[in-house]
Amino acid sequence: MTDPPREPPEATAPHRFIAVEGSIGVGKTTLARRLAEAFGYALLLERAEENPFLEGFYREGRGALKTQLFFLFQRAEQLAELRQGDIFAPGRVADFLIHKDPLFARVTLDDDEFRLYWRVWEQLAVDVPRPDLVIFLQAPTEVLLERIRRRGVPMEAAISPAYLEALNEAYTRFFLDYDEAPLLIVNAAEIDLARGEADFRQLVAYLSEIRSGRHYYNPIPNR
């Protein structure tokens, strides 16, 4: 006798706006894409390739303020379009949380630049929609470096371990006190969210039960 077909993830998706976050290389865009496909949601992606200042920042550390402001304007514009969209539209998944933008700015800008950035931030982030669920993917810096190496994006090859470590620590501090939306913190060091169907389904089942509060997901990887 064959097992009955599994209920599709769409049937249990309780969150209309999900934001996936984490440091460079942790897999947030991969997970956002899979969640959007599973739930039939629209997808909002950080378009790093459109930032004309990013490569120079990675390679030489120059243009940090321009890099941060470009991303801030880009994300604010995307979220403004979401806020003005059809209320009957399907849910959405984003691979960024705009409320963490100052985290990058604090790591990369000097005090004078940060004060200028903050004035712009306060104007743009006044009325952006908040997610119904935030997923924070965590992994050690050495894991992130290996994943960045494997995916082979040329401009990311210049990212220094020191910068990535500082960014990883800043993410941890930010989400330590984050309480603006239900939060799921996922240990993503061992699981395969790109190709692992069992890993992905387990995560979907877990997050589908979340309605409020802070949750920690430390899965046993499927091999």
N, C-alpha and C. Protein backbone atom coordinates (compact mmCIF):
# COMPACT_ATOMS: atom_id res chain seq x y z
N MET A 1 0.85 -1.20 0.00
CA MET A 1 0.00 0.00 0.00
C MET A 1 0.88 1.25 0.00
N THR A 2 0.64 2.13 -0.92
CA THR A 2 1.48 3.34 -1.02
C THR A 2 1.03 4.39 -0.02
N ASP A 3 2.00 5.20 0.40
CA ASP A 3 1.69 6.29 1.31
C ASP A 3 0.89 7.36 0.59
N PRO A 4 -0.02 8.06 1.29
CA PRO A 4 -0.75 9.15 0.66
C PRO A 4 0.19 10.28 0.31
N PRO A 5 -0.11 11.08 -0.69
CA PRO A 5 0.77 12.20 -1.05
C PRO A 5 0.85 13.19 0.09
N ARG A 6 2.03 13.80 0.20
CA ARG A 6 2.22 14.81 1.24
C ARG A 6 1.41 16.06 0.94
N GLU A 7 0.99 16.70 1.99
CA GLU A 7 0.30 17.97 1.81
C GLU A 7 1.31 19.00 1.34
N PRO A 8 1.03 19.75 0.30
CA PRO A 8 2.00 20.73 -0.20
C PRO A 8 2.24 21.83 0.82
N PRO A 9 3.48 22.42 0.85
CA PRO A 9 3.76 23.48 1.81
C PRO A 9 2.80 24.64 1.73
N GLU A 10 2.25 24.94 0.52
CA GLU A 10 1.37 26.10 0.39
C GLU A 10 0.19 26.05 1.37
N ALA A 11 -0.24 24.83 1.68
CA ALA A 11 -1.45 24.68 2.49
C ALA A 11 -1.27 25.14 3.92
N THR A 12 0.00 25.24 4.37
CA THR A 12 0.24 25.58 5.77
C THR A 12 1.07 26.85 5.93
N ALA A 13 1.17 27.66 4.88
CA ALA A 13 1.98 28.88 4.97
C ALA A 13 1.20 29.99 5.66
N PRO A 14 1.53 30.32 6.91
CA PRO A 14 0.73 31.30 7.65
C PRO A 14 1.23 32.74 7.51
N HIS A 15 2.38 32.93 6.87
CA HIS A 15 3.03 34.25 6.85
C HIS A 15 2.95 34.85 5.45
N ARG A 16 2.40 36.05 5.35
CA ARG A 16 2.25 36.68 4.04
C ARG A 16 3.51 37.45 3.61
N PHE A 17 4.38 37.78 4.55
CA PHE A 17 5.62 38.48 4.21
C PHE A 17 6.74 37.88 5.05
N ILE A 18 7.64 37.17 4.40
CA ILE A 18 8.77 36.52 5.06
C ILE A 18 10.06 37.18 4.60
N ALA A 19 10.93 37.53 5.53
CA ALA A 19 12.25 38.06 5.20
C ALA A 19 13.31 37.06 5.66
N VAL A 20 14.23 36.73 4.76
CA VAL A 20 15.33 35.83 5.08
C VAL A 20 16.60 36.66 5.18
N GLU A 21 17.35 36.47 6.26
CA GLU A 21 18.54 37.28 6.48
C GLU A 21 19.73 36.41 6.88
N GLY A 22 20.90 37.00 6.81
CA GLY A 22 22.13 36.32 7.18
C GLY A 22 23.30 36.91 6.42
N SER A 23 24.47 36.53 6.82
CA SER A 23 25.68 37.10 6.25
C SER A 23 25.90 36.62 4.81
N ILE A 24 26.84 37.21 4.13
CA ILE A 24 27.18 36.86 2.76
C ILE A 24 27.58 35.38 2.71
N GLY A 25 26.96 34.63 1.81
CA GLY A 25 27.34 33.24 1.62
C GLY A 25 26.56 32.24 2.43
N VAL A 26 25.66 32.70 3.31
CA VAL A 26 24.98 31.76 4.19
C VAL A 26 23.82 31.04 3.50
N GLY A 27 23.34 31.57 2.37
CA GLY A 27 22.29 30.90 1.62
C GLY A 27 20.93 31.56 1.69
N LYS A 28 20.88 32.85 2.02
CA LYS A 28 19.57 33.50 2.20
C LYS A 28 18.81 33.62 0.88
N THR A 29 19.50 33.92 -0.21
CA THR A 29 18.80 34.05 -1.49
C THR A 29 18.29 32.69 -1.96
N THR A 30 19.08 31.65 -1.78
CA THR A 30 18.66 30.30 -2.13
C THR A 30 17.40 29.91 -1.37
N LEU A 31 17.40 30.16 -0.06
CA LEU A 31 16.23 29.81 0.74
C LEU A 31 15.03 30.67 0.35
N ALA A 32 15.24 31.95 0.13
CA ALA A 32 14.13 32.82 -0.27
C ALA A 32 13.49 32.33 -1.57
N ARG A 33 14.31 31.94 -2.53
CA ARG A 33 13.78 31.43 -3.80
C ARG A 33 12.95 30.16 -3.58
N ARG A 34 13.45 29.26 -2.76
CA ARG A 34 12.74 28.00 -2.54
C ARG A 34 11.43 28.22 -1.79
N LEU A 35 11.44 29.12 -0.81
CA LEU A 35 10.21 29.41 -0.08
C LEU A 35 9.17 30.05 -1.00
N ALA A 36 9.60 30.99 -1.83
CA ALA A 36 8.68 31.64 -2.75
C ALA A 36 8.06 30.63 -3.70
N GLU A 37 8.87 29.70 -4.20
CA GLU A 37 8.36 28.67 -5.10
C GLU A 37 7.40 27.74 -4.38
N ALA A 38 7.76 27.33 -3.14
CA ALA A 38 6.93 26.38 -2.40
C ALA A 38 5.58 26.97 -2.04
N PHE A 39 5.56 28.25 -1.66
CA PHE A 39 4.33 28.88 -1.20
C PHE A 39 3.58 29.59 -2.32
N GLY A 40 4.16 29.68 -3.51
CA GLY A 40 3.53 30.43 -4.58
C GLY A 40 3.56 31.93 -4.33
N TYR A 41 4.62 32.41 -3.68
CA TYR A 41 4.74 33.82 -3.30
C TYR A 41 5.58 34.59 -4.31
N ALA A 42 5.40 35.89 -4.34
CA ALA A 42 6.28 36.77 -5.11
C ALA A 42 7.63 36.85 -4.39
N LEU A 43 8.67 37.19 -5.15
CA LEU A 43 10.03 37.18 -4.64
C LEU A 43 10.66 38.56 -4.76
N LEU A 44 11.19 39.08 -3.64
CA LEU A 44 11.92 40.34 -3.63
C LEU A 44 13.37 40.02 -3.32
N LEU A 45 14.26 40.33 -4.27
CA LEU A 45 15.67 39.98 -4.10
C LEU A 45 16.53 41.24 -4.04
N GLU A 46 17.54 41.16 -3.18
CA GLU A 46 18.58 42.18 -3.19
C GLU A 46 19.34 42.06 -4.51
N ARG A 47 19.41 43.15 -5.26
CA ARG A 47 20.02 43.11 -6.59
C ARG A 47 21.44 43.68 -6.52
N ALA A 48 22.32 42.89 -5.91
CA ALA A 48 23.69 43.35 -5.68
C ALA A 48 24.41 43.69 -6.97
N GLU A 49 24.09 42.96 -8.04
CA GLU A 49 24.78 43.18 -9.31
C GLU A 49 24.48 44.55 -9.90
N GLU A 50 23.43 45.22 -9.43
CA GLU A 50 23.09 46.55 -9.93
C GLU A 50 23.83 47.66 -9.20
N ASN A 51 24.51 47.33 -8.11
CA ASN A 51 25.20 48.35 -7.32
C ASN A 51 26.56 48.63 -7.97
N PRO A 52 26.75 49.80 -8.57
CA PRO A 52 28.00 50.06 -9.30
C PRO A 52 29.20 50.29 -8.39
N PHE A 53 28.97 50.40 -7.08
CA PHE A 53 30.05 50.70 -6.14
C PHE A 53 30.52 49.47 -5.37
N LEU A 54 29.82 48.35 -5.52
CA LEU A 54 30.08 47.21 -4.65
C LEU A 54 31.42 46.54 -4.93
N GLU A 55 31.76 46.36 -6.19
CA GLU A 55 33.02 45.69 -6.51
C GLU A 55 34.21 46.48 -5.98
N GLY A 56 34.19 47.80 -6.15
CA GLY A 56 35.27 48.63 -5.63
C GLY A 56 35.37 48.55 -4.12
N PHE A 57 34.24 48.44 -3.48
CA PHE A 57 34.24 48.32 -2.02
C PHE A 57 34.86 46.98 -1.59
N TYR A 58 34.47 45.90 -2.25
CA TYR A 58 35.02 44.59 -1.90
C TYR A 58 36.53 44.53 -2.16
N ARG A 59 36.97 45.10 -3.29
CA ARG A 59 38.37 44.95 -3.70
C ARG A 59 39.30 45.90 -2.95
N GLU A 60 38.85 47.13 -2.75
CA GLU A 60 39.76 48.14 -2.20
C GLU A 60 39.22 48.85 -0.97
N GLY A 61 38.00 48.50 -0.56
CA GLY A 61 37.42 49.16 0.62
C GLY A 61 37.02 50.60 0.36
N ARG A 62 36.87 50.98 -0.90
CA ARG A 62 36.52 52.37 -1.20
C ARG A 62 35.03 52.50 -1.52
N GLY A 63 34.53 53.72 -1.33
CA GLY A 63 33.14 53.98 -1.69
C GLY A 63 32.13 53.35 -0.78
N ALA A 64 32.48 53.19 0.51
CA ALA A 64 31.57 52.50 1.43
C ALA A 64 30.24 53.25 1.57
N LEU A 65 30.29 54.56 1.70
CA LEU A 65 29.06 55.33 1.88
C LEU A 65 28.18 55.23 0.65
N LYS A 66 28.78 55.37 -0.52
CA LYS A 66 28.00 55.25 -1.76
C LYS A 66 27.39 53.85 -1.89
N THR A 67 28.16 52.84 -1.52
CA THR A 67 27.66 51.47 -1.59
C THR A 67 26.45 51.27 -0.69
N GLN A 68 26.54 51.76 0.55
CA GLN A 68 25.46 51.60 1.52
C GLN A 68 24.22 52.38 1.11
N LEU A 69 24.41 53.60 0.64
CA LEU A 69 23.25 54.41 0.27
C LEU A 69 22.55 53.84 -0.96
N PHE A 70 23.32 53.30 -1.92
CA PHE A 70 22.69 52.69 -3.09
C PHE A 70 21.78 51.55 -2.65
N PHE A 71 22.28 50.66 -1.79
CA PHE A 71 21.46 49.55 -1.31
C PHE A 71 20.25 50.05 -0.53
N LEU A 72 20.43 51.06 0.28
CA LEU A 72 19.32 51.59 1.07
C LEU A 72 18.21 52.12 0.16
N PHE A 73 18.58 52.92 -0.85
CA PHE A 73 17.58 53.45 -1.78
C PHE A 73 16.89 52.31 -2.54
N GLN A 74 17.68 51.33 -2.97
CA GLN A 74 17.14 50.21 -3.74
C GLN A 74 16.10 49.44 -2.91
N ARG A 75 16.45 49.11 -1.67
CA ARG A 75 15.55 48.32 -0.83
C ARG A 75 14.30 49.11 -0.45
N ALA A 76 14.49 50.39 -0.13
CA ALA A 76 13.33 51.22 0.22
C ALA A 76 12.36 51.32 -0.94
N GLU A 77 12.89 51.41 -2.15
CA GLU A 77 12.03 51.49 -3.34
C GLU A 77 11.25 50.20 -3.53
N GLN A 78 11.91 49.05 -3.36
CA GLN A 78 11.22 47.77 -3.49
C GLN A 78 10.10 47.62 -2.47
N LEU A 79 10.37 48.02 -1.24
CA LEU A 79 9.37 47.87 -0.19
C LEU A 79 8.24 48.87 -0.34
N ALA A 80 8.53 50.04 -0.89
CA ALA A 80 7.47 51.00 -1.16
C ALA A 80 6.50 50.43 -2.19
N GLU A 81 7.04 49.75 -3.20
CA GLU A 81 6.18 49.12 -4.20
C GLU A 81 5.33 48.02 -3.57
N LEU A 82 5.91 47.29 -2.63
CA LEU A 82 5.16 46.25 -1.93
C LEU A 82 4.02 46.86 -1.13
N ARG A 83 4.29 47.95 -0.43
CA ARG A 83 3.27 48.59 0.40
C ARG A 83 2.11 49.11 -0.43
N GLN A 84 2.41 49.56 -1.65
CA GLN A 84 1.38 50.13 -2.51
C GLN A 84 0.69 49.08 -3.38
N GLY A 85 1.11 47.82 -3.26
CA GLY A 85 0.59 46.77 -4.12
C GLY A 85 -0.81 46.34 -3.75
N ASP A 86 -1.32 45.43 -4.53
CA ASP A 86 -2.66 44.89 -4.35
C ASP A 86 -2.74 44.09 -3.05
N ILE A 87 -3.68 44.43 -2.18
CA ILE A 87 -3.79 43.73 -0.90
C ILE A 87 -4.23 42.27 -1.10
N PHE A 88 -4.74 41.97 -2.28
CA PHE A 88 -5.15 40.60 -2.55
C PHE A 88 -4.05 39.81 -3.27
N ALA A 89 -2.89 40.41 -3.45
CA ALA A 89 -1.78 39.72 -4.09
C ALA A 89 -1.28 38.60 -3.18
N PRO A 90 -0.59 37.60 -3.75
CA PRO A 90 -0.05 36.53 -2.91
C PRO A 90 1.00 37.08 -1.95
N GLY A 91 1.42 36.25 -1.03
CA GLY A 91 2.45 36.66 -0.09
C GLY A 91 3.77 36.93 -0.79
N ARG A 92 4.76 37.37 -0.01
CA ARG A 92 6.05 37.71 -0.57
C ARG A 92 7.16 37.20 0.32
N VAL A 93 8.29 36.87 -0.32
CA VAL A 93 9.50 36.49 0.39
C VAL A 93 10.62 37.40 -0.08
N ALA A 94 11.36 37.98 0.85
CA ALA A 94 12.49 38.84 0.52
C ALA A 94 13.78 38.24 1.08
N ASP A 95 14.89 38.46 0.39
CA ASP A 95 16.17 37.99 0.92
C ASP A 95 16.92 39.12 1.62
N PHE A 96 16.15 40.07 2.16
CA PHE A 96 16.74 41.15 2.94
C PHE A 96 15.71 41.68 3.93
N LEU A 97 16.21 42.24 5.00
CA LEU A 97 15.40 42.94 6.00
C LEU A 97 15.95 44.35 6.09
N ILE A 98 15.17 45.32 5.63
CA ILE A 98 15.71 46.67 5.54
C ILE A 98 16.08 47.23 6.91
N HIS A 99 15.44 46.74 7.96
CA HIS A 99 15.72 47.26 9.29
C HIS A 99 17.11 46.89 9.79
N LYS A 100 17.79 45.97 9.09
CA LYS A 100 19.15 45.65 9.49
C LYS A 100 20.19 46.43 8.65
N ASP A 101 19.76 47.27 7.72
CA ASP A 101 20.70 48.01 6.90
C ASP A 101 21.74 48.79 7.70
N PRO A 102 21.35 49.46 8.79
CA PRO A 102 22.36 50.17 9.57
C PRO A 102 23.46 49.27 10.12
N LEU A 103 23.22 47.98 10.21
CA LEU A 103 24.24 47.04 10.67
C LEU A 103 25.45 47.09 9.73
N PHE A 104 25.20 46.97 8.42
CA PHE A 104 26.29 47.07 7.44
C PHE A 104 26.96 48.43 7.53
N ALA A 105 26.15 49.47 7.64
CA ALA A 105 26.70 50.82 7.66
C ALA A 105 27.61 51.02 8.87
N ARG A 106 27.24 50.49 10.00
CA ARG A 106 28.04 50.66 11.21
C ARG A 106 29.38 49.94 11.09
N VAL A 107 29.38 48.80 10.37
CA VAL A 107 30.62 48.04 10.18
C VAL A 107 31.55 48.74 9.19
N THR A 108 31.00 49.40 8.17
CA THR A 108 31.82 49.88 7.06
C THR A 108 32.11 51.38 7.07
N LEU A 109 31.31 52.18 7.78
CA LEU A 109 31.45 53.64 7.70
C LEU A 109 32.16 54.21 8.92
N ASP A 110 32.85 55.34 8.70
CA ASP A 110 33.39 56.04 9.87
C ASP A 110 32.26 56.84 10.53
N ASP A 111 32.56 57.49 11.64
CA ASP A 111 31.50 58.14 12.43
C ASP A 111 30.79 59.24 11.66
N ASP A 112 31.54 60.07 10.92
CA ASP A 112 30.92 61.15 10.17
C ASP A 112 30.02 60.61 9.06
N GLU A 113 30.52 59.60 8.35
CA GLU A 113 29.72 59.00 7.28
C GLU A 113 28.47 58.34 7.85
N PHE A 114 28.61 57.69 8.99
CA PHE A 114 27.45 57.02 9.58
C PHE A 114 26.38 58.02 9.99
N ARG A 115 26.79 59.16 10.52
CA ARG A 115 25.80 60.18 10.90
C ARG A 115 25.02 60.65 9.68
N LEU A 116 25.71 60.83 8.55
CA LEU A 116 25.03 61.23 7.32
C LEU A 116 24.10 60.11 6.84
N TYR A 117 24.61 58.89 6.85
CA TYR A 117 23.78 57.75 6.46
C TYR A 117 22.53 57.66 7.33
N TRP A 118 22.70 57.86 8.63
CA TRP A 118 21.57 57.71 9.55
C TRP A 118 20.47 58.73 9.28
N ARG A 119 20.85 59.93 8.88
CA ARG A 119 19.84 60.94 8.55
C ARG A 119 19.01 60.49 7.36
N VAL A 120 19.66 59.89 6.37
CA VAL A 120 18.92 59.38 5.22
C VAL A 120 18.05 58.20 5.63
N TRP A 121 18.62 57.29 6.41
CA TRP A 121 17.89 56.11 6.88
C TRP A 121 16.60 56.49 7.60
N GLU A 122 16.67 57.47 8.48
CA GLU A 122 15.50 57.86 9.25
C GLU A 122 14.37 58.37 8.35
N GLN A 123 14.72 58.99 7.24
CA GLN A 123 13.70 59.48 6.32
C GLN A 123 13.07 58.36 5.49
N LEU A 124 13.87 57.38 5.12
CA LEU A 124 13.40 56.34 4.19
C LEU A 124 12.69 55.18 4.89
N ALA A 125 13.03 54.93 6.14
CA ALA A 125 12.52 53.72 6.80
C ALA A 125 11.33 54.00 7.71
N VAL A 126 10.70 55.14 7.54
CA VAL A 126 9.61 55.52 8.43
C VAL A 126 8.43 54.58 8.32
N ASP A 127 8.05 54.20 7.11
CA ASP A 127 6.78 53.50 6.93
C ASP A 127 6.92 52.26 6.06
N VAL A 128 8.06 51.58 6.17
CA VAL A 128 8.22 50.36 5.38
C VAL A 128 7.50 49.21 6.07
N PRO A 129 6.91 48.29 5.32
CA PRO A 129 6.18 47.18 5.94
C PRO A 129 7.12 46.25 6.69
N ARG A 130 6.64 45.71 7.81
CA ARG A 130 7.44 44.77 8.58
C ARG A 130 7.02 43.34 8.23
N PRO A 131 7.97 42.42 8.23
CA PRO A 131 7.64 41.03 7.90
C PRO A 131 6.75 40.39 8.97
N ASP A 132 6.06 39.35 8.55
CA ASP A 132 5.32 38.51 9.49
C ASP A 132 6.22 37.44 10.10
N LEU A 133 7.36 37.20 9.45
CA LEU A 133 8.36 36.25 9.97
C LEU A 133 9.72 36.64 9.42
N VAL A 134 10.73 36.66 10.29
CA VAL A 134 12.11 36.86 9.88
C VAL A 134 12.87 35.56 10.15
N ILE A 135 13.59 35.08 9.14
CA ILE A 135 14.44 33.90 9.28
C ILE A 135 15.89 34.36 9.21
N PHE A 136 16.64 34.11 10.28
CA PHE A 136 18.04 34.49 10.34
C PHE A 136 18.88 33.22 10.23
N LEU A 137 19.62 33.10 9.13
CA LEU A 137 20.50 31.95 8.90
C LEU A 137 21.88 32.24 9.47
N GLN A 138 22.39 31.35 10.29
CA GLN A 138 23.70 31.51 10.91
C GLN A 138 24.65 30.42 10.45
N ALA A 139 25.94 30.78 10.28
CA ALA A 139 26.99 29.80 10.02
C ALA A 139 28.32 30.44 10.40
N PRO A 140 29.30 29.65 10.82
CA PRO A 140 30.62 30.19 11.15
C PRO A 140 31.28 30.84 9.94
N THR A 141 32.20 31.75 10.21
CA THR A 141 32.86 32.48 9.13
C THR A 141 33.57 31.55 8.16
N GLU A 142 34.21 30.50 8.65
CA GLU A 142 34.93 29.60 7.76
C GLU A 142 33.98 28.87 6.81
N VAL A 143 32.77 28.60 7.26
CA VAL A 143 31.76 27.99 6.38
C VAL A 143 31.34 28.99 5.30
N LEU A 144 31.13 30.23 5.69
CA LEU A 144 30.75 31.27 4.73
C LEU A 144 31.83 31.45 3.67
N LEU A 145 33.08 31.49 4.10
CA LEU A 145 34.18 31.66 3.14
C LEU A 145 34.23 30.52 2.14
N GLU A 146 34.00 29.30 2.60
CA GLU A 146 34.02 28.15 1.69
C GLU A 146 32.85 28.21 0.71
N ARG A 147 31.69 28.63 1.18
CA ARG A 147 30.54 28.72 0.27
C ARG A 147 30.74 29.85 -0.75
N ILE A 148 31.32 30.95 -0.32
CA ILE A 148 31.62 32.04 -1.25
C ILE A 148 32.61 31.56 -2.31
N ARG A 149 33.62 30.81 -1.88
CA ARG A 149 34.60 30.28 -2.83
C ARG A 149 33.93 29.35 -3.84
N ARG A 150 33.04 28.48 -3.35
CA ARG A 150 32.40 27.50 -4.24
C ARG A 150 31.49 28.16 -5.27
N ARG A 151 30.78 29.22 -4.89
CA ARG A 151 29.84 29.78 -5.86
C ARG A 151 30.54 30.66 -6.88
N GLY A 152 31.76 31.12 -6.59
CA GLY A 152 32.62 31.69 -7.61
C GLY A 152 32.18 33.00 -8.22
N VAL A 153 31.53 33.87 -7.44
CA VAL A 153 31.20 35.21 -7.95
C VAL A 153 32.48 36.04 -7.92
N PRO A 154 32.95 36.54 -9.08
CA PRO A 154 34.27 37.16 -9.14
C PRO A 154 34.49 38.28 -8.12
N MET A 155 33.53 39.20 -7.97
CA MET A 155 33.79 40.33 -7.08
C MET A 155 33.80 39.91 -5.61
N GLU A 156 33.18 38.76 -5.29
CA GLU A 156 33.17 38.30 -3.90
C GLU A 156 34.50 37.67 -3.51
N ALA A 157 35.35 37.35 -4.49
CA ALA A 157 36.64 36.72 -4.19
C ALA A 157 37.53 37.63 -3.35
N ALA A 158 37.26 38.94 -3.40
CA ALA A 158 38.09 39.89 -2.67
C ALA A 158 37.61 40.13 -1.23
N ILE A 159 36.50 39.51 -0.83
CA ILE A 159 35.99 39.70 0.53
C ILE A 159 36.99 39.13 1.53
N SER A 160 37.40 39.92 2.48
CA SER A 160 38.41 39.46 3.43
C SER A 160 37.76 38.69 4.58
N PRO A 161 38.47 37.71 5.13
CA PRO A 161 37.96 37.00 6.30
C PRO A 161 37.66 37.94 7.47
N ALA A 162 38.48 38.98 7.64
CA ALA A 162 38.27 39.91 8.74
C ALA A 162 36.95 40.66 8.59
N TYR A 163 36.64 41.10 7.37
CA TYR A 163 35.38 41.80 7.13
C TYR A 163 34.20 40.86 7.36
N LEU A 164 34.31 39.63 6.87
CA LEU A 164 33.22 38.68 7.02
C LEU A 164 33.00 38.32 8.50
N GLU A 165 34.08 38.21 9.25
CA GLU A 165 33.96 37.93 10.68
C GLU A 165 33.28 39.08 11.40
N ALA A 166 33.66 40.33 11.06
CA ALA A 166 33.03 41.49 11.68
C ALA A 166 31.55 41.55 11.34
N LEU A 167 31.22 41.21 10.11
CA LEU A 167 29.82 41.21 9.68
C LEU A 167 29.03 40.13 10.41
N ASN A 168 29.62 38.96 10.54
CA ASN A 168 28.96 37.86 11.23
C ASN A 168 28.66 38.25 12.69
N GLU A 169 29.62 38.87 13.34
CA GLU A 169 29.43 39.29 14.73
C GLU A 169 28.35 40.37 14.83
N ALA A 170 28.31 41.28 13.85
CA ALA A 170 27.31 42.34 13.86
C ALA A 170 25.90 41.77 13.68
N TYR A 171 25.77 40.78 12.82
CA TYR A 171 24.47 40.12 12.66
C TYR A 171 24.01 39.48 13.97
N THR A 172 24.92 38.80 14.65
CA THR A 172 24.57 38.14 15.91
C THR A 172 24.10 39.16 16.93
N ARG A 173 24.81 40.29 17.03
CA ARG A 173 24.41 41.33 17.98
C ARG A 173 23.05 41.92 17.62
N PHE A 174 22.83 42.13 16.32
CA PHE A 174 21.57 42.73 15.88
C PHE A 174 20.38 41.85 16.25
N PHE A 175 20.48 40.57 15.95
CA PHE A 175 19.34 39.69 16.20
C PHE A 175 19.24 39.24 17.65
N LEU A 176 20.25 39.52 18.45
CA LEU A 176 20.17 39.22 19.87
C LEU A 176 19.01 39.96 20.52
N ASP A 177 18.77 41.20 20.07
CA ASP A 177 17.73 42.03 20.67
C ASP A 177 16.55 42.28 19.74
N TYR A 178 16.53 41.65 18.57
CA TYR A 178 15.47 41.93 17.60
C TYR A 178 14.13 41.37 18.09
N ASP A 179 13.11 42.25 18.11
CA ASP A 179 11.78 41.80 18.54
C ASP A 179 10.66 42.48 17.74
N GLU A 180 10.99 42.95 16.53
CA GLU A 180 10.00 43.65 15.72
C GLU A 180 9.07 42.71 14.97
N ALA A 181 9.42 41.43 14.91
CA ALA A 181 8.60 40.43 14.21
C ALA A 181 8.98 39.07 14.77
N PRO A 182 8.13 38.05 14.58
CA PRO A 182 8.53 36.70 14.96
C PRO A 182 9.86 36.34 14.28
N LEU A 183 10.74 35.71 15.03
CA LEU A 183 12.10 35.46 14.55
C LEU A 183 12.44 33.98 14.66
N LEU A 184 12.96 33.41 13.57
CA LEU A 184 13.45 32.04 13.56
C LEU A 184 14.94 32.09 13.27
N ILE A 185 15.75 31.65 14.22
CA ILE A 185 17.21 31.59 14.06
C ILE A 185 17.59 30.17 13.69
N VAL A 186 18.23 30.01 12.53
CA VAL A 186 18.51 28.68 11.97
C VAL A 186 20.02 28.45 11.92
N ASN A 187 20.47 27.35 12.49
CA ASN A 187 21.85 26.92 12.32
C ASN A 187 21.98 26.32 10.93
N ALA A 188 22.57 27.07 10.02
CA ALA A 188 22.63 26.66 8.61
C ALA A 188 23.99 26.11 8.23
N ALA A 189 24.82 25.77 9.22
CA ALA A 189 26.18 25.36 8.93
C ALA A 189 26.26 24.00 8.25
N GLU A 190 25.36 23.07 8.60
CA GLU A 190 25.47 21.71 8.12
C GLU A 190 24.40 21.32 7.10
N ILE A 191 23.27 22.01 7.12
CA ILE A 191 22.17 21.57 6.25
C ILE A 191 22.33 22.12 4.83
N ASP A 192 21.74 21.41 3.90
CA ASP A 192 21.80 21.78 2.48
C ASP A 192 20.44 22.31 2.06
N LEU A 193 20.29 23.63 2.07
CA LEU A 193 19.02 24.24 1.69
C LEU A 193 18.91 24.47 0.19
N ALA A 194 20.01 24.26 -0.53
CA ALA A 194 19.98 24.43 -1.98
C ALA A 194 19.44 23.19 -2.67
N ARG A 195 19.92 22.01 -2.25
CA ARG A 195 19.52 20.77 -2.94
C ARG A 195 18.86 19.76 -2.01
N GLY A 196 18.97 19.95 -0.70
CA GLY A 196 18.45 18.96 0.23
C GLY A 196 16.95 19.07 0.42
N GLU A 197 16.21 18.18 -0.22
CA GLU A 197 14.75 18.25 -0.15
C GLU A 197 14.26 17.97 1.27
N ALA A 198 14.85 16.99 1.94
CA ALA A 198 14.41 16.66 3.30
C ALA A 198 14.73 17.81 4.25
N ASP A 199 15.94 18.40 4.12
CA ASP A 199 16.31 19.54 4.97
C ASP A 199 15.31 20.69 4.78
N PHE A 200 14.97 20.95 3.53
CA PHE A 200 14.06 22.06 3.24
C PHE A 200 12.67 21.79 3.79
N ARG A 201 12.15 20.60 3.59
CA ARG A 201 10.81 20.28 4.06
C ARG A 201 10.72 20.34 5.59
N GLN A 202 11.76 19.89 6.27
CA GLN A 202 11.77 19.97 7.73
C GLN A 202 11.70 21.42 8.19
N LEU A 203 12.45 22.29 7.53
CA LEU A 203 12.45 23.70 7.89
C LEU A 203 11.08 24.32 7.63
N VAL A 204 10.47 24.01 6.48
CA VAL A 204 9.15 24.55 6.17
C VAL A 204 8.13 24.11 7.20
N ALA A 205 8.18 22.85 7.58
CA ALA A 205 7.24 22.35 8.59
C ALA A 205 7.42 23.08 9.92
N TYR A 206 8.66 23.35 10.27
CA TYR A 206 8.94 24.04 11.54
C TYR A 206 8.43 25.48 11.50
N LEU A 207 8.78 26.21 10.44
CA LEU A 207 8.42 27.63 10.40
C LEU A 207 6.92 27.83 10.23
N SER A 208 6.24 26.84 9.66
CA SER A 208 4.80 26.98 9.45
C SER A 208 4.02 27.00 10.76
N GLU A 209 4.63 26.54 11.84
CA GLU A 209 3.97 26.53 13.14
C GLU A 209 4.20 27.81 13.93
N ILE A 210 5.09 28.66 13.47
CA ILE A 210 5.47 29.85 14.24
C ILE A 210 4.43 30.96 14.04
N ARG A 211 4.01 31.53 15.14
CA ARG A 211 3.07 32.65 15.10
C ARG A 211 3.65 33.90 15.80
N SER A 212 4.52 33.70 16.77
CA SER A 212 5.06 34.82 17.53
C SER A 212 6.34 34.38 18.22
N GLY A 213 7.07 35.35 18.77
CA GLY A 213 8.21 35.03 19.60
C GLY A 213 9.49 34.71 18.84
N ARG A 214 10.46 34.21 19.59
CA ARG A 214 11.79 33.87 19.09
C ARG A 214 11.97 32.35 19.14
N HIS A 215 12.49 31.80 18.04
CA HIS A 215 12.62 30.36 17.94
C HIS A 215 14.01 30.01 17.40
N TYR A 216 14.52 28.87 17.83
CA TYR A 216 15.84 28.39 17.40
C TYR A 216 15.68 27.03 16.73
N TYR A 217 16.26 26.90 15.55
CA TYR A 217 16.16 25.66 14.80
C TYR A 217 17.56 25.14 14.55
N ASN A 218 17.87 24.02 15.20
CA ASN A 218 19.20 23.41 15.08
C ASN A 218 19.03 22.02 14.50
N PRO A 219 18.87 21.91 13.20
CA PRO A 219 18.45 20.64 12.60
C PRO A 219 19.58 19.62 12.55
N ILE A 220 19.18 18.37 12.48
CA ILE A 220 20.13 17.29 12.20
C ILE A 220 20.20 17.15 10.69
N PRO A 221 21.36 17.34 10.10
CA PRO A 221 21.43 17.29 8.63
C PRO A 221 21.07 15.91 8.10
N ASN A 222 20.39 15.91 6.96
CA ASN A 222 20.05 14.66 6.28
C ASN A 222 21.17 14.31 5.31
N ARG A 223 21.64 13.12 5.41
CA ARG A 223 22.73 12.69 4.54
C ARG A 223 22.32 11.44 3.75
